Amino acid sequence: MAEDRDESIWRARLRWRMRGAWQGPAFAAFTVAEAVLLNRLPIAGDTGLDVVGGFLLCGFLNLAVVGFLAPLAARLLRRRRPSPLPLPVLQDRVATTLMGTLAVSLLAIGVGHHASVVAAQREYAEHLQAVRTYVAHQAPPEYLAGIGAEEVWKQKTGFYRTCVPGPDPRRNLCLYVTTDGIPTVKRDPDMQSNSRIAGPDNPGRRGGG
């Protein structure tokens, strides 16, 4: 009789564990999916996060959900609406729901921001084409080999400082490009590279591509 009772309790606990076992798999799945999402659909800026950076950010966000928001929300929910579910199971379900909500929110923000990303990419391409046309037709011939290796510093929307490397690494062909309307190009007398002026980690600096 005691053995039957113990087996019944064990089975009941197993069922509760199975019903409250979504948090771990959901954490892994949402973190990976959100990292890819932030790479493909950035929620801010002109370019997406690299997958590793996105994975670290999303892992932190989901960890905050699991470790802080879900326990708090589960206890508040239990106080307002008594539930027959054990607290760990309720907390697991709340955590899974909140992580899903976070993923959907990132997707919605990314979709909403996508038009801005496309516009920024189009502007960047127009500026780069203006730079390469200038180099091909107006610059000293020693800079032709630098086409494709441009160092770009986007200082603000519609305004770039782009440097084309030459045979002397200390003497770059640096151009100011404005993309409002028809792109205009003006040579900068300062031949220092963007990385030297703004630093190699400047978030607005990127390669020409």
N, C-alpha and C. Protein backbone atom coordinates (compact mmCIF):
# COMPACT_ATOMS: atom_id res chain seq x y z
N MET A 1 0.84 -1.21 0.00
CA MET A 1 0.00 0.00 0.00
C MET A 1 0.87 1.26 0.00
N ALA A 2 1.90 1.23 0.87
CA ALA A 2 2.82 2.36 0.94
C ALA A 2 3.57 2.52 -0.37
N GLU A 3 3.92 1.37 -1.00
CA GLU A 3 4.65 1.44 -2.27
C GLU A 3 3.78 2.07 -3.35
N ASP A 4 2.48 1.71 -3.35
CA ASP A 4 1.57 2.31 -4.34
C ASP A 4 1.45 3.81 -4.13
N ARG A 5 1.39 4.22 -2.85
CA ARG A 5 1.28 5.64 -2.56
C ARG A 5 2.54 6.40 -2.98
N ASP A 6 3.71 5.82 -2.68
CA ASP A 6 4.97 6.45 -3.07
C ASP A 6 5.08 6.56 -4.59
N GLU A 7 4.63 5.51 -5.29
CA GLU A 7 4.69 5.53 -6.74
C GLU A 7 3.75 6.59 -7.30
N SER A 8 2.58 6.73 -6.67
CA SER A 8 1.62 7.73 -7.11
C SER A 8 2.18 9.15 -6.91
N ILE A 9 2.83 9.38 -5.75
CA ILE A 9 3.43 10.69 -5.48
C ILE A 9 4.54 10.97 -6.49
N TRP A 10 5.36 9.95 -6.77
CA TRP A 10 6.47 10.11 -7.71
C TRP A 10 5.95 10.46 -9.09
N ARG A 11 4.88 9.78 -9.51
CA ARG A 11 4.30 10.07 -10.82
C ARG A 11 3.71 11.47 -10.86
N ALA A 12 3.07 11.90 -9.78
CA ALA A 12 2.50 13.24 -9.74
C ALA A 12 3.59 14.29 -9.84
N ARG A 13 4.69 14.07 -9.12
CA ARG A 13 5.80 15.03 -9.17
C ARG A 13 6.42 15.06 -10.57
N LEU A 14 6.51 13.91 -11.20
CA LEU A 14 7.06 13.85 -12.55
C LEU A 14 6.19 14.63 -13.52
N ARG A 15 4.86 14.46 -13.36
CA ARG A 15 3.95 15.20 -14.24
C ARG A 15 4.11 16.70 -14.04
N TRP A 16 4.24 17.16 -12.79
CA TRP A 16 4.42 18.59 -12.53
C TRP A 16 5.72 19.09 -13.15
N ARG A 17 6.79 18.25 -13.02
CA ARG A 17 8.08 18.65 -13.59
C ARG A 17 7.99 18.77 -15.12
N MET A 18 7.29 17.81 -15.73
CA MET A 18 7.15 17.84 -17.18
C MET A 18 6.32 19.04 -17.62
N ARG A 19 5.33 19.40 -16.83
CA ARG A 19 4.49 20.55 -17.17
C ARG A 19 5.22 21.87 -16.93
N GLY A 20 6.28 21.84 -16.11
CA GLY A 20 7.02 23.05 -15.81
C GLY A 20 8.45 22.98 -16.31
N ALA A 21 8.65 22.34 -17.44
CA ALA A 21 10.01 22.14 -17.94
C ALA A 21 10.26 22.86 -19.27
N TRP A 22 9.55 23.96 -19.53
CA TRP A 22 9.71 24.66 -20.80
C TRP A 22 10.73 25.79 -20.72
N GLN A 23 11.03 26.25 -19.53
CA GLN A 23 11.87 27.43 -19.36
C GLN A 23 13.28 27.24 -19.95
N GLY A 24 13.90 26.11 -19.66
CA GLY A 24 15.26 25.86 -20.16
C GLY A 24 15.36 25.79 -21.67
N PRO A 25 14.57 24.91 -22.31
CA PRO A 25 14.60 24.87 -23.78
C PRO A 25 14.20 26.20 -24.42
N ALA A 26 13.21 26.88 -23.82
CA ALA A 26 12.77 28.16 -24.37
C ALA A 26 13.88 29.19 -24.29
N PHE A 27 14.62 29.19 -23.19
CA PHE A 27 15.73 30.13 -23.03
C PHE A 27 16.75 29.96 -24.15
N ALA A 28 17.14 28.72 -24.40
CA ALA A 28 18.13 28.46 -25.45
C ALA A 28 17.59 28.83 -26.83
N ALA A 29 16.36 28.42 -27.12
CA ALA A 29 15.78 28.67 -28.45
C ALA A 29 15.58 30.16 -28.70
N PHE A 30 15.02 30.87 -27.73
CA PHE A 30 14.77 32.31 -27.91
C PHE A 30 16.07 33.09 -28.01
N THR A 31 17.08 32.72 -27.23
CA THR A 31 18.35 33.45 -27.27
C THR A 31 18.99 33.34 -28.65
N VAL A 32 19.03 32.14 -29.19
CA VAL A 32 19.62 31.94 -30.52
C VAL A 32 18.80 32.66 -31.59
N ALA A 33 17.48 32.50 -31.53
CA ALA A 33 16.60 33.12 -32.54
C ALA A 33 16.70 34.64 -32.48
N GLU A 34 16.76 35.21 -31.29
CA GLU A 34 16.84 36.67 -31.15
C GLU A 34 18.19 37.20 -31.62
N ALA A 35 19.26 36.43 -31.38
CA ALA A 35 20.58 36.86 -31.86
C ALA A 35 20.60 36.94 -33.38
N VAL A 36 20.02 35.96 -34.04
CA VAL A 36 19.92 35.98 -35.50
C VAL A 36 19.03 37.14 -35.95
N LEU A 37 17.94 37.35 -35.21
CA LEU A 37 17.00 38.42 -35.54
C LEU A 37 17.67 39.79 -35.48
N LEU A 38 18.46 40.04 -34.42
CA LEU A 38 19.12 41.34 -34.29
C LEU A 38 20.20 41.53 -35.35
N ASN A 39 20.71 40.43 -35.89
CA ASN A 39 21.67 40.52 -36.98
C ASN A 39 20.98 40.87 -38.30
N ARG A 40 19.82 40.27 -38.52
CA ARG A 40 19.10 40.46 -39.79
C ARG A 40 18.18 41.68 -39.75
N LEU A 41 17.57 41.93 -38.60
CA LEU A 41 16.63 43.06 -38.46
C LEU A 41 17.06 43.92 -37.27
N PRO A 42 18.04 44.81 -37.46
CA PRO A 42 18.48 45.65 -36.33
C PRO A 42 17.35 46.50 -35.80
N ILE A 43 17.38 46.73 -34.48
CA ILE A 43 16.34 47.55 -33.86
C ILE A 43 16.77 49.00 -33.71
N ALA A 44 18.04 49.28 -34.03
CA ALA A 44 18.56 50.65 -34.00
C ALA A 44 19.80 50.69 -34.88
N GLY A 45 20.14 51.89 -35.35
CA GLY A 45 21.33 52.03 -36.17
C GLY A 45 21.12 51.56 -37.59
N ASP A 46 22.24 51.53 -38.33
CA ASP A 46 22.18 51.20 -39.75
C ASP A 46 22.48 49.74 -40.04
N THR A 47 23.20 49.08 -39.14
CA THR A 47 23.59 47.69 -39.36
C THR A 47 23.22 46.84 -38.16
N GLY A 48 23.06 45.53 -38.39
CA GLY A 48 22.71 44.63 -37.32
C GLY A 48 23.91 44.27 -36.45
N LEU A 49 23.63 43.73 -35.28
CA LEU A 49 24.69 43.24 -34.41
C LEU A 49 25.29 41.98 -35.02
N ASP A 50 26.58 41.77 -34.76
CA ASP A 50 27.13 40.48 -35.14
C ASP A 50 26.49 39.41 -34.26
N VAL A 51 26.48 38.17 -34.73
CA VAL A 51 25.73 37.12 -34.05
C VAL A 51 26.23 36.90 -32.63
N VAL A 52 27.54 36.98 -32.42
CA VAL A 52 28.09 36.78 -31.07
C VAL A 52 27.62 37.88 -30.13
N GLY A 53 27.71 39.13 -30.59
CA GLY A 53 27.24 40.24 -29.77
C GLY A 53 25.75 40.15 -29.48
N GLY A 54 24.98 39.77 -30.50
CA GLY A 54 23.55 39.59 -30.32
C GLY A 54 23.23 38.47 -29.35
N PHE A 55 24.02 37.39 -29.42
CA PHE A 55 23.81 36.25 -28.52
C PHE A 55 24.06 36.67 -27.07
N LEU A 56 25.11 37.44 -26.83
CA LEU A 56 25.41 37.90 -25.47
C LEU A 56 24.32 38.84 -24.95
N LEU A 57 23.88 39.77 -25.81
CA LEU A 57 22.84 40.71 -25.40
C LEU A 57 21.54 40.00 -25.09
N CYS A 58 21.11 39.12 -26.01
CA CYS A 58 19.84 38.41 -25.81
C CYS A 58 19.91 37.44 -24.65
N GLY A 59 21.09 36.82 -24.46
CA GLY A 59 21.25 35.95 -23.31
C GLY A 59 21.09 36.72 -22.01
N PHE A 60 21.64 37.93 -21.96
CA PHE A 60 21.50 38.77 -20.77
C PHE A 60 20.04 39.15 -20.54
N LEU A 61 19.35 39.56 -21.62
CA LEU A 61 17.95 39.96 -21.48
C LEU A 61 17.08 38.80 -21.01
N ASN A 62 17.28 37.63 -21.61
CA ASN A 62 16.48 36.47 -21.20
C ASN A 62 16.83 36.01 -19.80
N LEU A 63 18.09 36.16 -19.42
CA LEU A 63 18.49 35.82 -18.05
C LEU A 63 17.82 36.74 -17.04
N ALA A 64 17.70 38.02 -17.41
CA ALA A 64 16.99 38.96 -16.54
C ALA A 64 15.52 38.58 -16.41
N VAL A 65 14.93 38.10 -17.51
CA VAL A 65 13.54 37.64 -17.46
C VAL A 65 13.40 36.45 -16.53
N VAL A 66 14.27 35.46 -16.72
CA VAL A 66 14.18 34.22 -15.93
C VAL A 66 14.52 34.46 -14.47
N GLY A 67 15.57 35.26 -14.22
CA GLY A 67 16.05 35.41 -12.85
C GLY A 67 15.36 36.48 -12.04
N PHE A 68 14.75 37.45 -12.70
CA PHE A 68 14.15 38.56 -11.95
C PHE A 68 12.67 38.77 -12.25
N LEU A 69 12.35 39.00 -13.53
CA LEU A 69 10.97 39.35 -13.87
C LEU A 69 10.00 38.20 -13.65
N ALA A 70 10.38 36.99 -14.08
CA ALA A 70 9.45 35.86 -13.96
C ALA A 70 9.11 35.52 -12.51
N PRO A 71 10.10 35.41 -11.60
CA PRO A 71 9.73 35.14 -10.20
C PRO A 71 8.84 36.22 -9.60
N LEU A 72 9.15 37.48 -9.91
CA LEU A 72 8.33 38.57 -9.39
C LEU A 72 6.92 38.51 -9.95
N ALA A 73 6.80 38.32 -11.27
CA ALA A 73 5.48 38.27 -11.90
C ALA A 73 4.68 37.06 -11.42
N ALA A 74 5.34 35.93 -11.24
CA ALA A 74 4.64 34.72 -10.79
C ALA A 74 4.06 34.91 -9.38
N ARG A 75 4.82 35.53 -8.52
CA ARG A 75 4.33 35.76 -7.14
C ARG A 75 3.18 36.77 -7.12
N LEU A 76 3.32 37.83 -7.93
CA LEU A 76 2.23 38.80 -8.00
C LEU A 76 0.97 38.16 -8.58
N LEU A 77 1.14 37.34 -9.61
CA LEU A 77 0.00 36.67 -10.22
C LEU A 77 -0.66 35.71 -9.23
N ARG A 78 0.13 35.05 -8.46
CA ARG A 78 -0.40 34.08 -7.49
C ARG A 78 -1.18 34.79 -6.38
N ARG A 79 -0.75 35.98 -6.01
CA ARG A 79 -1.46 36.74 -4.99
C ARG A 79 -2.81 37.25 -5.50
N ARG A 80 -2.83 37.68 -6.74
CA ARG A 80 -4.06 38.24 -7.31
C ARG A 80 -5.04 37.17 -7.76
N ARG A 81 -4.50 36.06 -8.23
CA ARG A 81 -5.36 35.00 -8.73
C ARG A 81 -4.80 33.65 -8.29
N PRO A 82 -5.31 33.09 -7.20
CA PRO A 82 -4.80 31.80 -6.71
C PRO A 82 -4.82 30.74 -7.80
N SER A 83 -3.77 29.96 -7.86
CA SER A 83 -3.63 28.93 -8.89
C SER A 83 -3.30 27.59 -8.25
N PRO A 84 -3.87 26.50 -8.78
CA PRO A 84 -3.53 25.18 -8.25
C PRO A 84 -2.12 24.73 -8.64
N LEU A 85 -1.48 25.44 -9.57
CA LEU A 85 -0.14 25.06 -10.01
C LEU A 85 0.89 25.35 -8.93
N PRO A 86 1.84 24.47 -8.73
CA PRO A 86 2.95 24.78 -7.82
C PRO A 86 3.70 26.01 -8.32
N LEU A 87 4.26 26.77 -7.40
CA LEU A 87 4.94 28.01 -7.77
C LEU A 87 6.03 27.79 -8.81
N PRO A 88 6.88 26.75 -8.71
CA PRO A 88 7.92 26.56 -9.75
C PRO A 88 7.33 26.36 -11.15
N VAL A 89 6.20 25.65 -11.23
CA VAL A 89 5.57 25.43 -12.53
C VAL A 89 4.99 26.73 -13.07
N LEU A 90 4.33 27.50 -12.19
CA LEU A 90 3.77 28.78 -12.60
C LEU A 90 4.88 29.73 -13.05
N GLN A 91 5.97 29.74 -12.29
CA GLN A 91 7.09 30.61 -12.63
C GLN A 91 7.69 30.21 -13.98
N ASP A 92 7.78 28.90 -14.23
CA ASP A 92 8.30 28.41 -15.50
C ASP A 92 7.43 28.90 -16.66
N ARG A 93 6.13 28.81 -16.50
CA ARG A 93 5.22 29.24 -17.57
C ARG A 93 5.28 30.74 -17.79
N VAL A 94 5.36 31.49 -16.69
CA VAL A 94 5.46 32.95 -16.81
C VAL A 94 6.76 33.33 -17.52
N ALA A 95 7.87 32.68 -17.14
CA ALA A 95 9.16 32.97 -17.77
C ALA A 95 9.11 32.68 -19.27
N THR A 96 8.52 31.55 -19.64
CA THR A 96 8.43 31.19 -21.05
C THR A 96 7.59 32.21 -21.82
N THR A 97 6.48 32.63 -21.20
CA THR A 97 5.61 33.63 -21.84
C THR A 97 6.31 34.96 -22.01
N LEU A 98 7.04 35.39 -20.97
CA LEU A 98 7.74 36.67 -21.04
C LEU A 98 8.87 36.63 -22.07
N MET A 99 9.57 35.51 -22.15
CA MET A 99 10.62 35.41 -23.17
C MET A 99 10.02 35.44 -24.57
N GLY A 100 8.89 34.81 -24.74
CA GLY A 100 8.20 34.88 -26.03
C GLY A 100 7.77 36.29 -26.36
N THR A 101 7.28 37.01 -25.34
CA THR A 101 6.87 38.41 -25.54
C THR A 101 8.06 39.27 -25.92
N LEU A 102 9.21 39.01 -25.30
CA LEU A 102 10.43 39.76 -25.64
C LEU A 102 10.82 39.52 -27.09
N ALA A 103 10.76 38.25 -27.52
CA ALA A 103 11.12 37.92 -28.90
C ALA A 103 10.20 38.61 -29.90
N VAL A 104 8.91 38.58 -29.61
CA VAL A 104 7.94 39.23 -30.50
C VAL A 104 8.16 40.74 -30.53
N SER A 105 8.50 41.32 -29.38
CA SER A 105 8.75 42.76 -29.31
C SER A 105 9.97 43.15 -30.14
N LEU A 106 11.05 42.35 -30.05
CA LEU A 106 12.24 42.63 -30.85
C LEU A 106 11.93 42.51 -32.34
N LEU A 107 11.13 41.52 -32.69
CA LEU A 107 10.74 41.35 -34.09
C LEU A 107 9.94 42.56 -34.57
N ALA A 108 8.99 43.01 -33.77
CA ALA A 108 8.15 44.15 -34.16
C ALA A 108 8.98 45.42 -34.31
N ILE A 109 9.91 45.65 -33.37
CA ILE A 109 10.77 46.83 -33.45
C ILE A 109 11.66 46.74 -34.68
N GLY A 110 12.21 45.55 -34.94
CA GLY A 110 13.07 45.36 -36.11
C GLY A 110 12.34 45.61 -37.42
N VAL A 111 11.12 45.11 -37.52
CA VAL A 111 10.32 45.33 -38.72
C VAL A 111 10.00 46.82 -38.89
N GLY A 112 9.67 47.47 -37.78
CA GLY A 112 9.36 48.90 -37.84
C GLY A 112 10.57 49.74 -38.22
N HIS A 113 11.75 49.28 -37.83
CA HIS A 113 12.98 50.04 -38.11
C HIS A 113 13.59 49.71 -39.46
N HIS A 114 13.07 48.69 -40.11
CA HIS A 114 13.69 48.19 -41.34
C HIS A 114 13.73 49.24 -42.45
N ALA A 115 12.69 50.05 -42.56
CA ALA A 115 12.68 51.09 -43.60
C ALA A 115 13.83 52.07 -43.41
N SER A 116 14.15 52.40 -42.16
CA SER A 116 15.27 53.29 -41.88
C SER A 116 16.59 52.65 -42.26
N VAL A 117 16.70 51.35 -42.02
CA VAL A 117 17.93 50.63 -42.37
C VAL A 117 18.12 50.62 -43.88
N VAL A 118 17.05 50.34 -44.60
CA VAL A 118 17.12 50.32 -46.07
C VAL A 118 17.52 51.68 -46.61
N ALA A 119 16.92 52.75 -46.05
CA ALA A 119 17.25 54.11 -46.50
C ALA A 119 18.71 54.43 -46.22
N ALA A 120 19.21 54.02 -45.05
CA ALA A 120 20.61 54.28 -44.69
C ALA A 120 21.55 53.52 -45.60
N GLN A 121 21.19 52.29 -45.94
CA GLN A 121 22.03 51.49 -46.84
C GLN A 121 22.06 52.10 -48.24
N ARG A 122 20.92 52.61 -48.69
CA ARG A 122 20.87 53.26 -50.00
C ARG A 122 21.73 54.53 -50.00
N GLU A 123 21.63 55.30 -48.94
CA GLU A 123 22.43 56.52 -48.83
C GLU A 123 23.91 56.18 -48.81
N TYR A 124 24.27 55.14 -48.08
CA TYR A 124 25.68 54.72 -47.99
C TYR A 124 26.20 54.31 -49.37
N ALA A 125 25.39 53.56 -50.11
CA ALA A 125 25.80 53.13 -51.44
C ALA A 125 25.97 54.32 -52.38
N GLU A 126 25.08 55.30 -52.28
CA GLU A 126 25.18 56.49 -53.12
C GLU A 126 26.46 57.28 -52.80
N HIS A 127 26.75 57.41 -51.53
CA HIS A 127 27.96 58.13 -51.13
C HIS A 127 29.21 57.40 -51.63
N LEU A 128 29.20 56.09 -51.53
CA LEU A 128 30.37 55.31 -51.95
C LEU A 128 30.57 55.39 -53.46
N GLN A 129 29.48 55.40 -54.19
CA GLN A 129 29.57 55.54 -55.64
C GLN A 129 30.13 56.91 -56.01
N ALA A 130 29.73 57.95 -55.28
CA ALA A 130 30.25 59.29 -55.54
C ALA A 130 31.75 59.34 -55.27
N VAL A 131 32.19 58.68 -54.19
CA VAL A 131 33.61 58.64 -53.86
C VAL A 131 34.39 57.94 -54.98
N ARG A 132 33.92 56.82 -55.44
CA ARG A 132 34.64 56.04 -56.45
C ARG A 132 34.66 56.75 -57.80
N THR A 133 33.59 57.47 -58.11
CA THR A 133 33.58 58.25 -59.35
C THR A 133 34.61 59.36 -59.28
N TYR A 134 34.70 60.00 -58.13
CA TYR A 134 35.69 61.06 -57.93
C TYR A 134 37.11 60.51 -58.06
N VAL A 135 37.37 59.37 -57.41
CA VAL A 135 38.70 58.78 -57.46
C VAL A 135 39.07 58.38 -58.89
N ALA A 136 38.10 57.84 -59.62
CA ALA A 136 38.36 57.37 -60.98
C ALA A 136 38.64 58.52 -61.95
N HIS A 137 38.06 59.70 -61.72
CA HIS A 137 38.14 60.77 -62.71
C HIS A 137 38.88 62.02 -62.26
N GLN A 138 39.02 62.23 -60.94
CA GLN A 138 39.60 63.49 -60.49
C GLN A 138 40.78 63.34 -59.54
N ALA A 139 41.00 62.16 -59.03
CA ALA A 139 42.06 61.96 -58.05
C ALA A 139 43.37 61.57 -58.72
N PRO A 140 44.50 61.76 -58.05
CA PRO A 140 45.78 61.26 -58.57
C PRO A 140 45.70 59.76 -58.81
N PRO A 141 46.34 59.27 -59.85
CA PRO A 141 46.18 57.86 -60.23
C PRO A 141 46.65 56.86 -59.19
N GLU A 142 47.54 57.27 -58.28
CA GLU A 142 48.03 56.31 -57.28
C GLU A 142 46.96 55.87 -56.30
N TYR A 143 45.80 56.54 -56.30
CA TYR A 143 44.72 56.16 -55.38
C TYR A 143 43.72 55.21 -56.02
N LEU A 144 43.87 54.93 -57.31
CA LEU A 144 42.93 54.02 -57.97
C LEU A 144 42.95 52.63 -57.34
N ALA A 145 44.11 52.20 -56.90
CA ALA A 145 44.22 50.87 -56.30
C ALA A 145 43.48 50.79 -54.96
N GLY A 146 43.17 51.94 -54.38
CA GLY A 146 42.48 51.95 -53.09
C GLY A 146 40.98 51.80 -53.18
N ILE A 147 40.44 51.81 -54.41
CA ILE A 147 39.00 51.60 -54.57
C ILE A 147 38.63 50.20 -54.05
N GLY A 148 37.65 50.17 -53.19
CA GLY A 148 37.24 48.92 -52.57
C GLY A 148 37.80 48.76 -51.16
N ALA A 149 38.78 49.60 -50.81
CA ALA A 149 39.38 49.53 -49.47
C ALA A 149 39.15 50.83 -48.70
N GLU A 150 38.12 51.56 -49.07
CA GLU A 150 37.83 52.85 -48.44
C GLU A 150 37.54 52.68 -46.94
N GLU A 151 37.93 53.69 -46.19
CA GLU A 151 37.61 53.73 -44.77
C GLU A 151 36.58 54.84 -44.56
N VAL A 152 35.41 54.45 -44.12
CA VAL A 152 34.27 55.38 -44.09
C VAL A 152 33.95 55.77 -42.65
N TRP A 153 33.74 57.06 -42.45
CA TRP A 153 33.31 57.57 -41.15
C TRP A 153 32.03 58.36 -41.38
N LYS A 154 30.93 57.78 -40.96
CA LYS A 154 29.65 58.47 -41.07
C LYS A 154 29.51 59.38 -39.86
N GLN A 155 29.62 60.68 -40.09
CA GLN A 155 29.61 61.62 -38.98
C GLN A 155 28.19 61.99 -38.54
N LYS A 156 27.27 61.98 -39.51
CA LYS A 156 25.86 62.17 -39.21
C LYS A 156 25.09 61.73 -40.44
N THR A 157 23.78 61.73 -40.36
CA THR A 157 22.97 61.34 -41.51
C THR A 157 23.25 62.26 -42.69
N GLY A 158 23.65 61.64 -43.80
CA GLY A 158 23.89 62.41 -45.01
C GLY A 158 25.25 63.07 -45.10
N PHE A 159 26.17 62.76 -44.16
CA PHE A 159 27.48 63.41 -44.18
C PHE A 159 28.56 62.40 -43.78
N TYR A 160 29.53 62.21 -44.67
CA TYR A 160 30.58 61.21 -44.48
C TYR A 160 31.96 61.83 -44.68
N ARG A 161 32.93 61.27 -43.98
CA ARG A 161 34.34 61.50 -44.31
C ARG A 161 34.90 60.14 -44.71
N THR A 162 35.31 60.02 -45.95
CA THR A 162 35.76 58.75 -46.49
C THR A 162 37.19 58.89 -47.00
N CYS A 163 38.06 57.98 -46.55
CA CYS A 163 39.47 58.04 -46.91
C CYS A 163 39.83 56.85 -47.80
N VAL A 164 40.51 57.15 -48.88
CA VAL A 164 40.98 56.13 -49.82
C VAL A 164 42.48 55.96 -49.61
N PRO A 165 42.95 54.76 -49.30
CA PRO A 165 44.37 54.58 -49.05
C PRO A 165 45.20 54.66 -50.33
N GLY A 166 46.42 55.14 -50.17
CA GLY A 166 47.36 55.21 -51.28
C GLY A 166 48.61 54.43 -50.96
N PRO A 167 49.65 54.57 -51.75
CA PRO A 167 50.89 53.83 -51.50
C PRO A 167 51.57 54.23 -50.19
N ASP A 168 51.38 55.49 -49.76
CA ASP A 168 51.93 55.95 -48.49
C ASP A 168 50.82 55.89 -47.44
N PRO A 169 50.95 55.03 -46.41
CA PRO A 169 49.88 54.90 -45.41
C PRO A 169 49.62 56.17 -44.62
N ARG A 170 50.55 57.11 -44.68
CA ARG A 170 50.37 58.37 -43.94
C ARG A 170 49.64 59.42 -44.77
N ARG A 171 49.43 59.11 -46.07
CA ARG A 171 48.83 60.10 -46.96
C ARG A 171 47.63 59.47 -47.68
N ASN A 172 46.48 59.61 -47.05
CA ASN A 172 45.23 59.11 -47.63
C ASN A 172 44.53 60.21 -48.42
N LEU A 173 43.74 59.80 -49.38
CA LEU A 173 42.87 60.75 -50.07
C LEU A 173 41.56 60.77 -49.28
N CYS A 174 41.34 61.85 -48.55
CA CYS A 174 40.16 61.92 -47.68
C CYS A 174 39.15 62.91 -48.26
N LEU A 175 37.92 62.50 -48.30
CA LEU A 175 36.86 63.27 -48.95
C LEU A 175 35.67 63.45 -48.01
N TYR A 176 35.10 64.64 -48.05
CA TYR A 176 33.83 64.89 -47.38
C TYR A 176 32.71 64.71 -48.41
N VAL A 177 31.74 63.90 -48.07
CA VAL A 177 30.64 63.62 -49.00
C VAL A 177 29.32 63.96 -48.33
N THR A 178 28.53 64.76 -49.03
CA THR A 178 27.18 65.10 -48.58
C THR A 178 26.18 64.45 -49.53
N THR A 179 25.19 63.76 -48.97
CA THR A 179 24.25 63.00 -49.81
C THR A 179 22.86 63.61 -49.86
N ASP A 180 22.70 64.82 -49.36
CA ASP A 180 21.39 65.49 -49.47
C ASP A 180 21.18 65.90 -50.92
N GLY A 181 20.21 65.27 -51.57
CA GLY A 181 20.01 65.53 -52.99
C GLY A 181 21.08 64.83 -53.80
N ILE A 182 21.68 65.54 -54.76
CA ILE A 182 22.77 64.97 -55.54
C ILE A 182 24.03 64.94 -54.69
N PRO A 183 24.70 63.79 -54.53
CA PRO A 183 25.89 63.72 -53.69
C PRO A 183 26.98 64.69 -54.15
N THR A 184 27.57 65.40 -53.20
CA THR A 184 28.67 66.31 -53.50
C THR A 184 29.91 65.83 -52.77
N VAL A 185 31.07 66.00 -53.41
CA VAL A 185 32.34 65.51 -52.87
C VAL A 185 33.30 66.69 -52.76
N LYS A 186 33.94 66.82 -51.59
CA LYS A 186 34.91 67.88 -51.36
C LYS A 186 36.15 67.26 -50.71
N ARG A 187 37.31 67.58 -51.25
CA ARG A 187 38.53 67.01 -50.72
C ARG A 187 38.91 67.65 -49.40
N ASP A 188 39.35 66.81 -48.44
CA ASP A 188 39.84 67.29 -47.15
C ASP A 188 41.36 67.42 -47.24
N PRO A 189 41.91 68.60 -46.96
CA PRO A 189 43.37 68.75 -47.00
C PRO A 189 44.09 67.85 -46.00
N ASP A 190 43.43 67.51 -44.91
CA ASP A 190 44.01 66.62 -43.92
C ASP A 190 44.01 65.20 -44.49
N MET A 191 45.19 64.59 -44.58
CA MET A 191 45.31 63.27 -45.19
C MET A 191 45.41 62.16 -44.16
N GLN A 192 45.12 62.46 -42.89
CA GLN A 192 45.13 61.44 -41.86
C GLN A 192 43.91 60.54 -42.00
N SER A 193 44.11 59.25 -41.74
CA SER A 193 43.01 58.29 -41.86
C SER A 193 41.97 58.54 -40.77
N ASN A 194 40.78 58.02 -41.00
CA ASN A 194 39.70 58.15 -40.01
C ASN A 194 40.06 57.45 -38.70
N SER A 195 40.72 56.29 -38.81
CA SER A 195 41.07 55.56 -37.60
C SER A 195 42.07 56.34 -36.76
N ARG A 196 42.90 57.14 -37.41
CA ARG A 196 43.86 57.96 -36.67
C ARG A 196 43.17 59.14 -35.99
N ILE A 197 42.19 59.71 -36.67
CA ILE A 197 41.50 60.88 -36.12
C ILE A 197 40.43 60.47 -35.11
N ALA A 198 39.58 59.52 -35.50
CA ALA A 198 38.41 59.16 -34.68
C ALA A 198 38.64 57.93 -33.82
N GLY A 199 39.72 57.19 -34.09
CA GLY A 199 39.97 55.97 -33.33
C GLY A 199 39.42 54.76 -34.05
N PRO A 200 40.10 53.61 -33.91
CA PRO A 200 39.69 52.41 -34.64
C PRO A 200 38.35 51.84 -34.19
N ASP A 201 37.88 52.20 -33.00
CA ASP A 201 36.64 51.64 -32.47
C ASP A 201 35.46 52.58 -32.62
N ASN A 202 35.63 53.66 -33.38
CA ASN A 202 34.53 54.58 -33.61
C ASN A 202 33.36 53.84 -34.25
N PRO A 203 32.16 53.85 -33.62
CA PRO A 203 31.03 53.07 -34.16
C PRO A 203 30.56 53.52 -35.53
N GLY A 204 30.89 54.75 -35.93
CA GLY A 204 30.47 55.24 -37.24
C GLY A 204 31.42 54.88 -38.36
N ARG A 205 32.54 54.23 -38.02
CA ARG A 205 33.56 53.92 -39.02
C ARG A 205 33.35 52.50 -39.55
N ARG A 206 33.52 52.35 -40.84
CA ARG A 206 33.38 51.03 -41.45
C ARG A 206 34.15 51.00 -42.76
N GLY A 207 34.34 49.80 -43.28
CA GLY A 207 35.04 49.65 -44.54
C GLY A 207 34.15 49.98 -45.70
N GLY A 208 34.77 50.20 -46.85
CA GLY A 208 33.99 50.56 -48.02
C GLY A 208 33.17 49.43 -48.57
N GLY A 209 33.72 48.24 -48.60
CA GLY A 209 32.99 47.08 -49.12
C GLY A 209 32.88 47.08 -50.63
